[in-house]
Every structure is written in structure tokens, then in C-alpha cells.
Amino acid sequence: MAILQCENLAFGYDGATVLEGVRFALNAGDYLCVVGENGSGKSTLIKGLLGLKTPEKGAIRFGEGLKSTEIGYLPQQTQIQRDFPASVREVVLSGRLNSLGRRLRYNKEDREIAARNMERMNVEELADRSYQELSGGQQQRVLLARALCATKKLLLLDEPVTGLDPIATGELYNFIKLINLCDGITVIMVSHDIPAAVRYATHILHLGHEQLFFGTSAEYKRSSLARRFLGGAVL
């Protein structure tokens, strides 16, 4: 059964449609990269999947027992977020907020989950450091640990490597792939890095105010879109 189905989605702002004809399904354990030029509708789709934007038409359906409140999300960072004055432990623990229910405080399980995900992302030694003191790569690994605290099934990542140096970029891509392969977590990642998208992802969704392509990475490599955006390079 599909963990996510998008059925003929359309989104708009102020009466103007900005994205339409989005229709695809993902199974548990898939790794989807959403690509396209600036303003093509990628972030709008992510907002829709998170329930922050209501479709003009169509439907979003979750399967495998997934609830919309159980999605891990790593957003694009702003400078204000990079300077957030909290410890690494506090940032990672905040990924458990949707699990608190009527509780006012984190419990032992929340703290154990946070500690486990800090260890997975190799930031456990930074737990008491201020988040704003970290490098860009370290901050993104902290935010990935935070996102993992919110889910066991689906991660949404919006341009997670923007602004990172090549070494930090490669490290983050490897962490994401391990999460996908070893934990079976479905990944949806918005990216401008099309060569990396076809290297790491199992599926590609290419948007241009409408759905231009959805299929496997192997199928995408053979498409006219890939030849256009990759300059005919064979990957």
C-alpha cells in the first residue's frame, strides 16, 4: 500500500494557480527528489504535504498508518533560525513537540529518542553547545536529528544542502541515504542538485508549474528533461 498518494493536486495564491496536475504515489522506503527551476512549485507542494497549504483541487492521502502530525520536516534555514539561541539538545528535543499531547514537559522516552537521534547524526558530543555556534553542516545534522524525533515513516527535506561546502554536502547526503536504506524511512527531498538527485534517489518528480515528470531515477536519466538539465551527461 502507498504511504502517500497525490491525486491531481493544484495549488494557488490570490486566485492564481501556481501548480497543477500533480499526481504520484510513493511506497514505504521510497526516496523521492523533487526538482525544477526556481518558482516551479516545489516548496508549495511541500507546504501542501505538511498541511500548511490547502489544495485548490485534488487530494493528498496518507497510508501505512501515517498521520500528518507524524512527518519529520527539515525546512530551508533563514539567518534568524541559524542564530537561534538554544542548545543542540533543546533543538533536537523540540522535534518531539507533536508527541507531547496534553503533557507539558518532555518525558524519559522523549529524551531517549532525542539522545538516540543525536548519536545517529554524530552530534551527541555537541549536545550542550549553543546551536548558533555550530558550522552549517553541524546545524543541518542537528536539524535532521530533530526531524527524526518527529517520525518513523516520512521525512520532508527542503533544500537541505543549500550553502554547505562540498564535504558537508556529501556527509549530509550520506546520512539521508542511510536513514532511507537502514531505517526504511520514506524521504521526499526538494533539491536544485539534479545530478545528486538521480544518484541518490529512487524516484524523481520534476515540476514546472505542473508535473513534467514522475518516475524512477533510471527512467528520468533517459528523459528529454534530463538531457536538457544535465547537458546530455550520462550519470
C-alpha atoms as a PDB file:
ATOM      1  CA  MET A   1       0.000   0.000   0.000  1.00  0.00           C
ATOM      2  CA  ALA A   2       1.227   3.511  -0.806  1.00  0.00           C
ATOM      3  CA  ILE A   3       2.398   5.637   2.108  1.00  0.00           C
ATOM      4  CA  LEU A   4       1.496   8.770   0.127  1.00  0.00           C
ATOM      5  CA  GLN A   5      -0.825   9.448  -2.803  1.00  0.00           C
ATOM      6  CA  CYS A   6      -1.270  12.803  -4.532  1.00  0.00           C
ATOM      7  CA  GLU A   7      -4.321  12.888  -6.755  1.00  0.00           C
ATOM      8  CA  ASN A   8      -4.449  15.639  -9.393  1.00  0.00           C
ATOM      9  CA  LEU A   9      -3.307  18.361  -6.991  1.00  0.00           C
ATOM     10  CA  ALA A  10      -3.484  22.081  -7.777  1.00  0.00           C
ATOM     11  CA  PHE A  11      -2.361  24.997  -5.601  1.00  0.00           C
ATOM     12  CA  GLY A  12      -2.762  28.722  -5.973  1.00  0.00           C
ATOM     13  CA  TYR A  13      -2.251  32.098  -4.336  1.00  0.00           C
ATOM     14  CA  ASP A  14      -4.706  35.015  -4.515  1.00  0.00           C
ATOM     15  CA  GLY A  15      -6.774  33.276  -7.168  1.00  0.00           C
ATOM     16  CA  ALA A  16      -3.827  32.453  -9.451  1.00  0.00           C
ATOM     17  CA  THR A  17      -2.888  28.780  -9.892  1.00  0.00           C
ATOM     18  CA  VAL A  18       0.857  28.209  -9.441  1.00  0.00           C
ATOM     19  CA  LEU A  19       0.997  24.408  -9.575  1.00  0.00           C
ATOM     20  CA  GLU A  20      -1.377  21.869 -11.095  1.00  0.00           C
ATOM     21  CA  GLY A  21      -1.659  18.314 -12.360  1.00  0.00           C
ATOM     22  CA  VAL A  22       0.426  16.737  -9.579  1.00  0.00           C
ATOM     23  CA  ARG A  23      -0.315  13.032  -9.357  1.00  0.00           C
ATOM     24  CA  PHE A  24       2.033  10.396  -7.976  1.00  0.00           C
ATOM     25  CA  ALA A  25       2.256   7.696  -5.334  1.00  0.00           C
ATOM     26  CA  LEU A  26       5.113   6.578  -3.097  1.00  0.00           C
ATOM     27  CA  ASN A  27       5.567   3.301  -1.281  1.00  0.00           C
ATOM     28  CA  ALA A  28       7.226   2.955   2.104  1.00  0.00           C
ATOM     29  CA  GLY A  29      11.002   3.165   1.721  1.00  0.00           C
ATOM     30  CA  ASP A  30      10.997   5.195  -1.497  1.00  0.00           C
ATOM     31  CA  TYR A  31      13.331   8.184  -1.850  1.00  0.00           C
ATOM     32  CA  LEU A  32      11.855  10.970  -3.978  1.00  0.00           C
ATOM     33  CA  CYS A  33      13.711  14.077  -5.143  1.00  0.00           C
ATOM     34  CA  VAL A  34      11.535  16.991  -6.244  1.00  0.00           C
ATOM     35  CA  VAL A  35      13.390  19.104  -8.802  1.00  0.00           C
ATOM     36  CA  GLY A  36      12.644  22.068 -11.025  1.00  0.00           C
ATOM     37  CA  GLU A  37      13.604  25.663 -11.580  1.00  0.00           C
ATOM     38  CA  ASN A  38      13.024  28.441  -9.025  1.00  0.00           C
ATOM     39  CA  GLY A  39       9.335  29.221  -8.662  1.00  0.00           C
ATOM     40  CA  SER A  40       8.247  25.944 -10.226  1.00  0.00           C
ATOM     41  CA  GLY A  41       6.090  24.941  -7.242  1.00  0.00           C
ATOM     42  CA  LYS A  42       8.438  22.727  -5.241  1.00  0.00           C
ATOM     43  CA  SER A  43       8.086  24.484  -1.882  1.00  0.00           C
ATOM     44  CA  THR A  44       4.356  24.946  -2.472  1.00  0.00           C
ATOM     45  CA  LEU A  45       3.988  21.183  -2.803  1.00  0.00           C
ATOM     46  CA  ILE A  46       5.896  20.646   0.446  1.00  0.00           C
ATOM     47  CA  LYS A  47       3.579  23.090   2.225  1.00  0.00           C
ATOM     48  CA  GLY A  48       0.641  21.110   0.889  1.00  0.00           C
ATOM     49  CA  LEU A  49       2.053  17.807   2.138  1.00  0.00           C
ATOM     50  CA  LEU A  50       2.579  19.359   5.573  1.00  0.00           C
ATOM     51  CA  GLY A  51      -0.997  20.637   5.685  1.00  0.00           C
ATOM     52  CA  LEU A  52       0.165  24.268   5.624  1.00  0.00           C
ATOM     53  CA  LYS A  53      -1.418  24.915   2.225  1.00  0.00           C
ATOM     54  CA  THR A  54      -4.854  23.675   1.153  1.00  0.00           C
ATOM     55  CA  PRO A  55      -5.095  22.363  -2.430  1.00  0.00           C
ATOM     56  CA  GLU A  56      -7.427  24.179  -4.819  1.00  0.00           C
ATOM     57  CA  LYS A  57      -8.370  20.742  -6.076  1.00  0.00           C
ATOM     58  CA  GLY A  58      -7.257  17.158  -5.762  1.00  0.00           C
ATOM     59  CA  ALA A  59      -6.416  15.187  -2.642  1.00  0.00           C
ATOM     60  CA  ILE A  60      -3.461  14.107  -0.523  1.00  0.00           C
ATOM     61  CA  ARG A  61      -3.854  10.689   1.088  1.00  0.00           C
ATOM     62  CA  PHE A  62      -1.550   9.034   3.624  1.00  0.00           C
ATOM     63  CA  GLY A  63      -1.296   5.275   4.109  1.00  0.00           C
ATOM     64  CA  GLU A  64       0.619   2.816   6.291  1.00  0.00           C
ATOM     65  CA  GLY A  65      -0.979   4.386   9.383  1.00  0.00           C
ATOM     66  CA  LEU A  66       0.865   7.678   8.845  1.00  0.00           C
ATOM     67  CA  LYS A  67      -0.680  10.841  10.287  1.00  0.00           C
ATOM     68  CA  SER A  68       0.091  14.345   9.040  1.00  0.00           C
ATOM     69  CA  THR A  69       1.424  15.172  12.525  1.00  0.00           C
ATOM     70  CA  GLU A  70       3.972  12.348  12.268  1.00  0.00           C
ATOM     71  CA  ILE A  71       6.043  13.777   9.416  1.00  0.00           C
ATOM     72  CA  GLY A  72       9.630  14.842  10.053  1.00  0.00           C
ATOM     73  CA  TYR A  73      10.427  18.169   8.392  1.00  0.00           C
ATOM     74  CA  LEU A  74      13.723  19.925   7.740  1.00  0.00           C
ATOM     75  CA  PRO A  75      12.909  23.386   6.309  1.00  0.00           C
ATOM     76  CA  GLN A  76      15.117  25.823   4.466  1.00  0.00           C
ATOM     77  CA  GLN A  77      17.041  27.784   7.064  1.00  0.00           C
ATOM     78  CA  THR A  78      16.852  31.556   7.463  1.00  0.00           C
ATOM     79  CA  GLN A  79      19.544  33.638   9.138  1.00  0.00           C
ATOM     80  CA  ILE A  80      17.267  34.113  12.153  1.00  0.00           C
ATOM     81  CA  GLN A  81      16.991  30.332  12.533  1.00  0.00           C
ATOM     82  CA  ARG A  82      20.782  29.908  12.210  1.00  0.00           C
ATOM     83  CA  ASP A  83      21.219  32.322  15.122  1.00  0.00           C
ATOM     84  CA  PHE A  84      18.636  30.613  17.346  1.00  0.00           C
ATOM     85  CA  PRO A  85      19.938  30.853  20.961  1.00  0.00           C
ATOM     86  CA  ALA A  86      19.274  27.319  22.201  1.00  0.00           C
ATOM     87  CA  SER A  87      21.396  24.281  22.965  1.00  0.00           C
ATOM     88  CA  VAL A  88      21.682  21.428  20.496  1.00  0.00           C
ATOM     89  CA  ARG A  89      19.788  19.184  22.924  1.00  0.00           C
ATOM     90  CA  GLU A  90      16.910  21.680  23.133  1.00  0.00           C
ATOM     91  CA  VAL A  91      16.686  21.983  19.353  1.00  0.00           C
ATOM     92  CA  VAL A  92      16.623  18.211  18.847  1.00  0.00           C
ATOM     93  CA  LEU A  93      14.094  17.685  21.657  1.00  0.00           C
ATOM     94  CA  SER A  94      11.740  20.174  20.008  1.00  0.00           C
ATOM     95  CA  GLY A  95      11.135  17.526  17.368  1.00  0.00           C
ATOM     96  CA  ARG A  96       9.030  15.736  19.990  1.00  0.00           C
ATOM     97  CA  LEU A  97       6.564  18.608  20.439  1.00  0.00           C
ATOM     98  CA  ASN A  98       3.810  16.967  18.374  1.00  0.00           C
ATOM     99  CA  SER A  99       4.091  13.885  20.580  1.00  0.00           C
ATOM    100  CA  LEU A 100       3.503  15.688  23.864  1.00  0.00           C
ATOM    101  CA  GLY A 101      -0.279  15.654  23.617  1.00  0.00           C
ATOM    102  CA  ARG A 102      -1.561  17.087  26.901  1.00  0.00           C
ATOM    103  CA  ARG A 103       1.797  16.714  28.610  1.00  0.00           C
ATOM    104  CA  LEU A 104       3.565  19.977  29.496  1.00  0.00           C
ATOM    105  CA  ARG A 105       7.066  18.525  29.669  1.00  0.00           C
ATOM    106  CA  TYR A 106       9.270  16.062  27.847  1.00  0.00           C
ATOM    107  CA  ASN A 107       9.417  12.633  29.473  1.00  0.00           C
ATOM    108  CA  LYS A 108      12.112   9.969  29.660  1.00  0.00           C
ATOM    109  CA  GLU A 109      11.102   8.458  26.313  1.00  0.00           C
ATOM    110  CA  ASP A 110      11.343  11.839  24.567  1.00  0.00           C
ATOM    111  CA  ARG A 111      14.836  12.389  25.940  1.00  0.00           C
ATOM    112  CA  GLU A 112      15.938   8.874  24.986  1.00  0.00           C
ATOM    113  CA  ILE A 113      14.673   9.361  21.423  1.00  0.00           C
ATOM    114  CA  ALA A 114      16.474  12.712  21.187  1.00  0.00           C
ATOM    115  CA  ALA A 115      19.709  11.192  22.526  1.00  0.00           C
ATOM    116  CA  ARG A 116      19.475   8.289  20.095  1.00  0.00           C
ATOM    117  CA  ASN A 117      18.985  10.580  17.100  1.00  0.00           C
ATOM    118  CA  MET A 118      21.824  12.887  18.165  1.00  0.00           C
ATOM    119  CA  GLU A 119      24.051   9.815  18.242  1.00  0.00           C
ATOM    120  CA  ARG A 120      22.845   8.714  14.797  1.00  0.00           C
ATOM    121  CA  MET A 121      23.683  12.122  13.343  1.00  0.00           C
ATOM    122  CA  ASN A 122      27.036  12.222  15.155  1.00  0.00           C
ATOM    123  CA  VAL A 123      26.178  15.358  17.145  1.00  0.00           C
ATOM    124  CA  GLU A 124      25.868  13.830  20.626  1.00  0.00           C
ATOM    125  CA  GLU A 125      29.134  15.472  21.744  1.00  0.00           C
ATOM    126  CA  LEU A 126      27.634  18.852  20.798  1.00  0.00           C
ATOM    127  CA  ALA A 127      24.519  18.414  22.962  1.00  0.00           C
ATOM    128  CA  ASP A 128      25.366  21.229  25.388  1.00  0.00           C
ATOM    129  CA  ARG A 129      26.766  23.591  22.752  1.00  0.00           C
ATOM    130  CA  SER A 130      24.794  26.579  21.524  1.00  0.00           C
ATOM    131  CA  TYR A 131      23.177  25.839  18.171  1.00  0.00           C
ATOM    132  CA  GLN A 132      24.209  29.237  16.796  1.00  0.00           C
ATOM    133  CA  GLU A 133      27.899  28.436  17.370  1.00  0.00           C
ATOM    134  CA  LEU A 134      27.884  25.416  15.051  1.00  0.00           C
ATOM    135  CA  SER A 135      29.046  25.177  11.449  1.00  0.00           C
ATOM    136  CA  GLY A 136      26.451  24.967   8.698  1.00  0.00           C
ATOM    137  CA  GLY A 137      26.979  21.238   8.286  1.00  0.00           C
ATOM    138  CA  GLN A 138      26.649  20.612  12.011  1.00  0.00           C
ATOM    139  CA  GLN A 139      23.461  22.685  12.168  1.00  0.00           C
ATOM    140  CA  GLN A 140      21.892  20.657   9.366  1.00  0.00           C
ATOM    141  CA  ARG A 141      22.749  17.389  11.102  1.00  0.00           C
ATOM    142  CA  VAL A 142      21.153  18.753  14.289  1.00  0.00           C
ATOM    143  CA  LEU A 143      18.015  19.670  12.333  1.00  0.00           C
ATOM    144  CA  LEU A 144      17.971  16.226  10.722  1.00  0.00           C
ATOM    145  CA  ALA A 145      18.138  14.662  14.208  1.00  0.00           C
ATOM    146  CA  ARG A 146      15.247  16.949  15.204  1.00  0.00           C
ATOM    147  CA  ALA A 147      13.200  15.814  12.178  1.00  0.00           C
ATOM    148  CA  LEU A 148      13.856  12.167  13.024  1.00  0.00           C
ATOM    149  CA  CYS A 149      12.431  12.750  16.513  1.00  0.00           C
ATOM    150  CA  ALA A 150       9.087  13.513  14.865  1.00  0.00           C
ATOM    151  CA  THR A 151       8.754  10.462  12.622  1.00  0.00           C
ATOM    152  CA  LYS A 152       9.434   6.809  11.969  1.00  0.00           C
ATOM    153  CA  LYS A 153       7.974   6.842   8.461  1.00  0.00           C
ATOM    154  CA  LEU A 154       8.321  10.022   6.362  1.00  0.00           C
ATOM    155  CA  LEU A 155      10.903  12.824   6.111  1.00  0.00           C
ATOM    156  CA  LEU A 156      10.401  16.031   4.110  1.00  0.00           C
ATOM    157  CA  LEU A 157      13.624  17.915   3.387  1.00  0.00           C
ATOM    158  CA  ASP A 158      13.554  21.341   1.698  1.00  0.00           C
ATOM    159  CA  GLU A 159      16.917  22.152   0.072  1.00  0.00           C
ATOM    160  CA  PRO A 160      18.904  20.623   2.967  1.00  0.00           C
ATOM    161  CA  VAL A 161      22.384  21.202   1.487  1.00  0.00           C
ATOM    162  CA  THR A 162      21.987  24.850   0.449  1.00  0.00           C
ATOM    163  CA  GLY A 163      25.044  26.860   1.492  1.00  0.00           C
ATOM    164  CA  LEU A 164      27.081  23.839   2.612  1.00  0.00           C
ATOM    165  CA  ASP A 165      30.632  23.172   1.429  1.00  0.00           C
ATOM    166  CA  PRO A 166      31.260  20.046  -0.685  1.00  0.00           C
ATOM    167  CA  ILE A 167      32.438  17.922   2.265  1.00  0.00           C
ATOM    168  CA  ALA A 168      29.443  18.805   4.465  1.00  0.00           C
ATOM    169  CA  THR A 169      27.136  18.302   1.468  1.00  0.00           C
ATOM    170  CA  GLY A 170      28.458  14.799   0.836  1.00  0.00           C
ATOM    171  CA  GLU A 171      28.200  13.900   4.513  1.00  0.00           C
ATOM    172  CA  LEU A 172      24.577  15.052   4.724  1.00  0.00           C
ATOM    173  CA  TYR A 173      23.606  13.183   1.544  1.00  0.00           C
ATOM    174  CA  ASN A 174      25.162  10.024   3.006  1.00  0.00           C
ATOM    175  CA  PHE A 175      23.297  10.433   6.306  1.00  0.00           C
ATOM    176  CA  ILE A 176      19.998  10.852   4.431  1.00  0.00           C
ATOM    177  CA  LYS A 177      20.639   7.786   2.283  1.00  0.00           C
ATOM    178  CA  LEU A 178      21.484   5.673   5.350  1.00  0.00           C
ATOM    179  CA  ILE A 179      18.253   6.789   7.044  1.00  0.00           C
ATOM    180  CA  ASN A 180      16.363   5.729   3.931  1.00  0.00           C
ATOM    181  CA  LEU A 181      18.120   2.396   3.434  1.00  0.00           C
ATOM    182  CA  CYS A 182      18.720   1.244   7.012  1.00  0.00           C
ATOM    183  CA  ASP A 183      15.576   2.552   8.699  1.00  0.00           C
ATOM    184  CA  GLY A 184      13.209   2.232   5.748  1.00  0.00           C
ATOM    185  CA  ILE A 185      12.053   5.831   6.195  1.00  0.00           C
ATOM    186  CA  THR A 186      10.476   7.345   3.089  1.00  0.00           C
ATOM    187  CA  VAL A 187      12.283  10.520   2.021  1.00  0.00           C
ATOM    188  CA  ILE A 188      10.977  13.441  -0.027  1.00  0.00           C
ATOM    189  CA  MET A 189      13.704  15.992  -0.737  1.00  0.00           C
ATOM    190  CA  VAL A 190      13.436  19.256  -2.660  1.00  0.00           C
ATOM    191  CA  SER A 191      16.696  19.898  -4.494  1.00  0.00           C
ATOM    192  CA  HIS A 192      18.322  22.042  -7.172  1.00  0.00           C
ATOM    193  CA  ASP A 193      21.136  19.487  -7.411  1.00  0.00           C
ATOM    194  CA  ILE A 194      19.800  17.253 -10.185  1.00  0.00           C
ATOM    195  CA  PRO A 195      22.997  15.151 -10.611  1.00  0.00           C
ATOM    196  CA  ALA A 196      22.890  14.290  -6.893  1.00  0.00           C
ATOM    197  CA  ALA A 197      19.136  13.685  -7.106  1.00  0.00           C
ATOM    198  CA  VAL A 198      19.485  10.964  -9.726  1.00  0.00           C
ATOM    199  CA  ARG A 199      22.486   9.500  -7.883  1.00  0.00           C
ATOM    200  CA  TYR A 200      20.785   9.091  -4.510  1.00  0.00           C
ATOM    201  CA  ALA A 201      17.017   8.992  -5.078  1.00  0.00           C
ATOM    202  CA  THR A 202      14.884   6.088  -6.251  1.00  0.00           C
ATOM    203  CA  HIS A 203      12.323   8.420  -7.888  1.00  0.00           C
ATOM    204  CA  ILE A 204      12.255  11.904  -9.436  1.00  0.00           C
ATOM    205  CA  LEU A 205       9.379  14.391  -9.579  1.00  0.00           C
ATOM    206  CA  HIS A 206      10.137  17.291 -11.932  1.00  0.00           C
ATOM    207  CA  LEU A 207       7.881  20.338 -11.616  1.00  0.00           C
ATOM    208  CA  GLY A 208       7.424  23.392 -13.812  1.00  0.00           C
ATOM    209  CA  HIS A 209       4.143  24.872 -12.540  1.00  0.00           C
ATOM    210  CA  GLU A 210       2.789  21.445 -13.437  1.00  0.00           C
ATOM    211  CA  GLN A 211       4.028  17.893 -13.226  1.00  0.00           C
ATOM    212  CA  LEU A 212       6.547  17.434 -16.017  1.00  0.00           C
ATOM    213  CA  PHE A 213       7.849  14.017 -14.976  1.00  0.00           C
ATOM    214  CA  PHE A 214       7.391  11.360 -12.317  1.00  0.00           C
ATOM    215  CA  GLY A 215       9.164   8.030 -12.396  1.00  0.00           C
ATOM    216  CA  THR A 216      12.272   6.178 -11.330  1.00  0.00           C
ATOM    217  CA  SER A 217      15.686   7.788 -11.450  1.00  0.00           C
ATOM    218  CA  ALA A 218      16.683   5.358 -14.200  1.00  0.00           C
ATOM    219  CA  GLU A 219      13.689   6.451 -16.296  1.00  0.00           C
ATOM    220  CA  TYR A 220      14.465  10.101 -15.635  1.00  0.00           C
ATOM    221  CA  LYS A 221      18.056   9.698 -16.902  1.00  0.00           C
ATOM    222  CA  ARG A 222      16.636   8.635 -20.275  1.00  0.00           C
ATOM    223  CA  SER A 223      14.142  11.501 -20.484  1.00  0.00           C
ATOM    224  CA  SER A 224      14.379  14.663 -22.552  1.00  0.00           C
ATOM    225  CA  LEU A 225      14.196  16.680 -19.328  1.00  0.00           C
ATOM    226  CA  ALA A 226      17.338  15.012 -18.025  1.00  0.00           C
ATOM    227  CA  ARG A 227      19.163  15.714 -21.285  1.00  0.00           C
ATOM    228  CA  ARG A 228      18.127  19.358 -21.029  1.00  0.00           C
ATOM    229  CA  PHE A 229      19.035  19.901 -17.386  1.00  0.00           C
ATOM    230  CA  LEU A 230      22.087  17.635 -17.277  1.00  0.00           C
ATOM    231  CA  GLY A 231      23.537  18.732 -20.604  1.00  0.00           C
ATOM    232  CA  GLY A 232      23.343  15.233 -22.004  1.00  0.00           C
ATOM    233  CA  ALA A 233      25.685  13.881 -19.342  1.00  0.00           C
ATOM    234  CA  VAL A 234      25.497  10.161 -18.703  1.00  0.00           C
ATOM    235  CA  LEU A 235      25.309   9.502 -14.968  1.00  0.00           C
END
